[in-house]
Amino acid sequence: MNVLYNKKTNLRLKKCEIIKVCLKKNILFLVYEANGNCFISYSNLD
């Protein structure tokens, strides 16, 4: 089970499904669905 932490809402999301993963200019983007909603998470890899 994937558990993601959403910085904006401070929610720990269980039962989430990663839809898309992108890597652009050292920034990792995750698009995932949880609780019937879509979220975008990104982190800088520098």
PDB file of N, CA and C in Angstrom:
ATOM      1  N   MET A   1       0.843  -1.194   0.000  1.00  0.00           N
ATOM      2  CA  MET A   1       0.000   0.000   0.000  1.00  0.00           C
ATOM      3  C   MET A   1       0.880   1.246   0.000  1.00  0.00           C
ATOM      4  N   ASN A   2       0.561   2.156  -0.873  1.00  0.00           N
ATOM      5  CA  ASN A   2       1.294   3.410  -0.922  1.00  0.00           C
ATOM      6  C   ASN A   2       0.704   4.401   0.067  1.00  0.00           C
ATOM      7  N   VAL A   3       1.560   5.067   0.795  1.00  0.00           N
ATOM      8  CA  VAL A   3       1.108   6.136   1.689  1.00  0.00           C
ATOM      9  C   VAL A   3       1.848   7.405   1.307  1.00  0.00           C
ATOM     10  N   LEU A   4       1.084   8.404   0.909  1.00  0.00           N
ATOM     11  CA  LEU A   4       1.690   9.670   0.511  1.00  0.00           C
ATOM     12  C   LEU A   4       1.298  10.750   1.495  1.00  0.00           C
ATOM     13  N   TYR A   5       2.177  11.708   1.631  1.00  0.00           N
ATOM     14  CA  TYR A   5       1.911  12.822   2.533  1.00  0.00           C
ATOM     15  C   TYR A   5       1.749  14.077   1.691  1.00  0.00           C
ATOM     16  N   ASN A   6       0.588  14.703   1.801  1.00  0.00           N
ATOM     17  CA  ASN A   6       0.306  15.889   1.004  1.00  0.00           C
ATOM     18  C   ASN A   6       0.631  17.121   1.834  1.00  0.00           C
ATOM     19  N   LYS A   7       1.632  17.891   1.384  1.00  0.00           N
ATOM     20  CA  LYS A   7       2.079  19.049   2.153  1.00  0.00           C
ATOM     21  C   LYS A   7       0.984  20.096   2.305  1.00  0.00           C
ATOM     22  N   LYS A   8       0.235  20.324   1.236  1.00  0.00           N
ATOM     23  CA  LYS A   8      -0.753  21.397   1.260  1.00  0.00           C
ATOM     24  C   LYS A   8      -1.865  21.136   2.260  1.00  0.00           C
ATOM     25  N   THR A   9      -2.331  19.916   2.326  1.00  0.00           N
ATOM     26  CA  THR A   9      -3.473  19.627   3.190  1.00  0.00           C
ATOM     27  C   THR A   9      -3.065  18.904   4.467  1.00  0.00           C
ATOM     28  N   ASN A  10      -1.760  18.552   4.559  1.00  0.00           N
ATOM     29  CA  ASN A  10      -1.267  17.818   5.726  1.00  0.00           C
ATOM     30  C   ASN A  10      -2.060  16.539   5.980  1.00  0.00           C
ATOM     31  N   LEU A  11      -2.424  15.865   4.911  1.00  0.00           N
ATOM     32  CA  LEU A  11      -3.171  14.613   5.030  1.00  0.00           C
ATOM     33  C   LEU A  11      -2.270  13.453   4.654  1.00  0.00           C
ATOM     34  N   ARG A  12      -2.341  12.423   5.443  1.00  0.00           N
ATOM     35  CA  ARG A  12      -1.704  11.174   5.017  1.00  0.00           C
ATOM     36  C   ARG A  12      -2.735  10.401   4.231  1.00  0.00           C
ATOM     37  N   LEU A  13      -2.406  10.121   2.997  1.00  0.00           N
ATOM     38  CA  LEU A  13      -3.379   9.495   2.108  1.00  0.00           C
ATOM     39  C   LEU A  13      -3.058   8.015   1.970  1.00  0.00           C
ATOM     40  N   LYS A  14      -3.962   7.188   2.449  1.00  0.00           N
ATOM     41  CA  LYS A  14      -3.807   5.757   2.254  1.00  0.00           C
ATOM     42  C   LYS A  14      -4.689   5.348   1.082  1.00  0.00           C
ATOM     43  N   LYS A  15      -4.444   4.154   0.576  1.00  0.00           N
ATOM     44  CA  LYS A  15      -5.191   3.653  -0.575  1.00  0.00           C
ATOM     45  C   LYS A  15      -5.095   4.618  -1.750  1.00  0.00           C
ATOM     46  N   CYS A  16      -3.878   5.045  -2.060  1.00  0.00           N
ATOM     47  CA  CYS A  16      -3.749   5.942  -3.203  1.00  0.00           C
ATOM     48  C   CYS A  16      -3.140   5.180  -4.370  1.00  0.00           C
ATOM     49  N   GLU A  17      -3.492   5.602  -5.547  1.00  0.00           N
ATOM     50  CA  GLU A  17      -3.036   4.950  -6.762  1.00  0.00           C
ATOM     51  C   GLU A  17      -2.283   5.971  -7.595  1.00  0.00           C
ATOM     52  N   ILE A  18      -1.015   5.673  -7.859  1.00  0.00           N
ATOM     53  CA  ILE A  18      -0.212   6.591  -8.660  1.00  0.00           C
ATOM     54  C   ILE A  18      -0.592   6.431 -10.124  1.00  0.00           C
ATOM     55  N   ILE A  19      -0.998   7.549 -10.734  1.00  0.00           N
ATOM     56  CA  ILE A  19      -1.450   7.514 -12.115  1.00  0.00           C
ATOM     57  C   ILE A  19      -0.302   7.806 -13.074  1.00  0.00           C
ATOM     58  N   LYS A  20       0.511   8.790 -12.725  1.00  0.00           N
ATOM     59  CA  LYS A  20       1.562   9.204 -13.648  1.00  0.00           C
ATOM     60  C   LYS A  20       2.763   9.711 -12.877  1.00  0.00           C
ATOM     61  N   VAL A  21       3.946   9.391 -13.376  1.00  0.00           N
ATOM     62  CA  VAL A  21       5.175   9.899 -12.785  1.00  0.00           C
ATOM     63  C   VAL A  21       5.976  10.583 -13.874  1.00  0.00           C
ATOM     64  N   CYS A  22       6.336  11.841 -13.633  1.00  0.00           N
ATOM     65  CA  CYS A  22       7.112  12.598 -14.614  1.00  0.00           C
ATOM     66  C   CYS A  22       8.379  13.121 -13.965  1.00  0.00           C
ATOM     67  N   LEU A  23       9.435  13.210 -14.768  1.00  0.00           N
ATOM     68  CA  LEU A  23      10.678  13.813 -14.292  1.00  0.00           C
ATOM     69  C   LEU A  23      11.086  14.899 -15.273  1.00  0.00           C
ATOM     70  N   LYS A  24      11.041  16.147 -14.814  1.00  0.00           N
ATOM     71  CA  LYS A  24      11.417  17.270 -15.670  1.00  0.00           C
ATOM     72  C   LYS A  24      12.361  18.191 -14.923  1.00  0.00           C
ATOM     73  N   LYS A  25      13.536  18.400 -15.491  1.00  0.00           N
ATOM     74  CA  LYS A  25      14.506  19.347 -14.924  1.00  0.00           C
ATOM     75  C   LYS A  25      14.734  19.112 -13.439  1.00  0.00           C
ATOM     76  N   ASN A  26      15.039  17.863 -13.096  1.00  0.00           N
ATOM     77  CA  ASN A  26      15.330  17.486 -11.699  1.00  0.00           C
ATOM     78  C   ASN A  26      14.158  17.689 -10.753  1.00  0.00           C
ATOM     79  N   ILE A  27      12.954  17.774 -11.266  1.00  0.00           N
ATOM     80  CA  ILE A  27      11.765  17.836 -10.418  1.00  0.00           C
ATOM     81  C   ILE A  27      10.912  16.609 -10.708  1.00  0.00           C
ATOM     82  N   LEU A  28      10.619  15.867  -9.664  1.00  0.00           N
ATOM     83  CA  LEU A  28       9.820  14.654  -9.810  1.00  0.00           C
ATOM     84  C   LEU A  28       8.359  14.971  -9.529  1.00  0.00           C
ATOM     85  N   PHE A  29       7.515  14.742 -10.529  1.00  0.00           N
ATOM     86  CA  PHE A  29       6.088  14.996 -10.391  1.00  0.00           C
ATOM     87  C   PHE A  29       5.347  13.676 -10.236  1.00  0.00           C
ATOM     88  N   LEU A  30       4.458  13.625  -9.273  1.00  0.00           N
ATOM     89  CA  LEU A  30       3.599  12.455  -9.098  1.00  0.00           C
ATOM     90  C   LEU A  30       2.155  12.894  -9.228  1.00  0.00           C
ATOM     91  N   VAL A  31       1.423  12.203 -10.089  1.00  0.00           N
ATOM     92  CA  VAL A  31      -0.016  12.439 -10.168  1.00  0.00           C
ATOM     93  C   VAL A  31      -0.673  11.194  -9.602  1.00  0.00           C
ATOM     94  N   TYR A  32      -1.469  11.374  -8.574  1.00  0.00           N
ATOM     95  CA  TYR A  32      -2.071  10.210  -7.938  1.00  0.00           C
ATOM     96  C   TYR A  32      -3.503  10.486  -7.537  1.00  0.00           C
ATOM     97  N   GLU A  33      -4.247   9.402  -7.412  1.00  0.00           N
ATOM     98  CA  GLU A  33      -5.653   9.489  -7.024  1.00  0.00           C
ATOM     99  C   GLU A  33      -5.818   8.879  -5.644  1.00  0.00           C
ATOM    100  N   ALA A  34      -6.530   9.591  -4.784  1.00  0.00           N
ATOM    101  CA  ALA A  34      -6.789   9.086  -3.439  1.00  0.00           C
ATOM    102  C   ALA A  34      -8.128   9.618  -2.975  1.00  0.00           C
ATOM    103  N   ASN A  35      -8.893   8.750  -2.362  1.00  0.00           N
ATOM    104  CA  ASN A  35     -10.206   9.136  -1.839  1.00  0.00           C
ATOM    105  C   ASN A  35     -11.095   9.755  -2.912  1.00  0.00           C
ATOM    106  N   GLY A  36     -10.914   9.330  -4.153  1.00  0.00           N
ATOM    107  CA  GLY A  36     -11.734   9.848  -5.241  1.00  0.00           C
ATOM    108  C   GLY A  36     -11.286  11.192  -5.768  1.00  0.00           C
ATOM    109  N   ASN A  37     -10.164  11.708  -5.269  1.00  0.00           N
ATOM    110  CA  ASN A  37      -9.655  12.988  -5.746  1.00  0.00           C
ATOM    111  C   ASN A  37      -8.289  12.802  -6.381  1.00  0.00           C
ATOM    112  N   CYS A  38      -7.941  13.718  -7.273  1.00  0.00           N
ATOM    113  CA  CYS A  38      -6.619  13.684  -7.889  1.00  0.00           C
ATOM    114  C   CYS A  38      -5.710  14.697  -7.203  1.00  0.00           C
ATOM    115  N   PHE A  39      -4.474  14.309  -7.017  1.00  0.00           N
ATOM    116  CA  PHE A  39      -3.497  15.187  -6.390  1.00  0.00           C
ATOM    117  C   PHE A  39      -2.234  15.208  -7.233  1.00  0.00           C
ATOM    118  N   ILE A  40      -1.520  16.313  -7.158  1.00  0.00           N
ATOM    119  CA  ILE A  40      -0.213  16.403  -7.801  1.00  0.00           C
ATOM    120  C   ILE A  40       0.809  16.716  -6.719  1.00  0.00           C
ATOM    121  N   SER A  41       1.836  15.892  -6.662  1.00  0.00           N
ATOM    122  CA  SER A  41       2.901  16.109  -5.698  1.00  0.00           C
ATOM    123  C   SER A  41       4.197  16.267  -6.469  1.00  0.00           C
ATOM    124  N   TYR A  42       5.055  17.167  -6.008  1.00  0.00           N
ATOM    125  CA  TYR A  42       6.333  17.317  -6.681  1.00  0.00           C
ATOM    126  C   TYR A  42       7.437  17.559  -5.669  1.00  0.00           C
ATOM    127  N   SER A  43       8.624  17.091  -6.021  1.00  0.00           N
ATOM    128  CA  SER A  43       9.772  17.286  -5.145  1.00  0.00           C
ATOM    129  C   SER A  43      11.007  17.562  -5.992  1.00  0.00           C
ATOM    130  N   ASN A  44      11.844  18.442  -5.489  1.00  0.00           N
ATOM    131  CA  ASN A  44      13.067  18.805  -6.183  1.00  0.00           C
ATOM    132  C   ASN A  44      14.156  17.802  -5.833  1.00  0.00           C
ATOM    133  N   LEU A  45      14.827  17.286  -6.841  1.00  0.00           N
ATOM    134  CA  LEU A  45      15.833  16.255  -6.612  1.00  0.00           C
ATOM    135  C   LEU A  45      17.234  16.825  -6.441  1.00  0.00           C
ATOM    136  N   ASP A  46      17.363  18.131  -6.444  1.00  0.00           N
ATOM    137  CA  ASP A  46      18.691  18.743  -6.294  1.00  0.00           C
ATOM    138  C   ASP A  46      19.256  18.522  -4.907  1.00  0.00           C
TER     139      ASP A  46
END
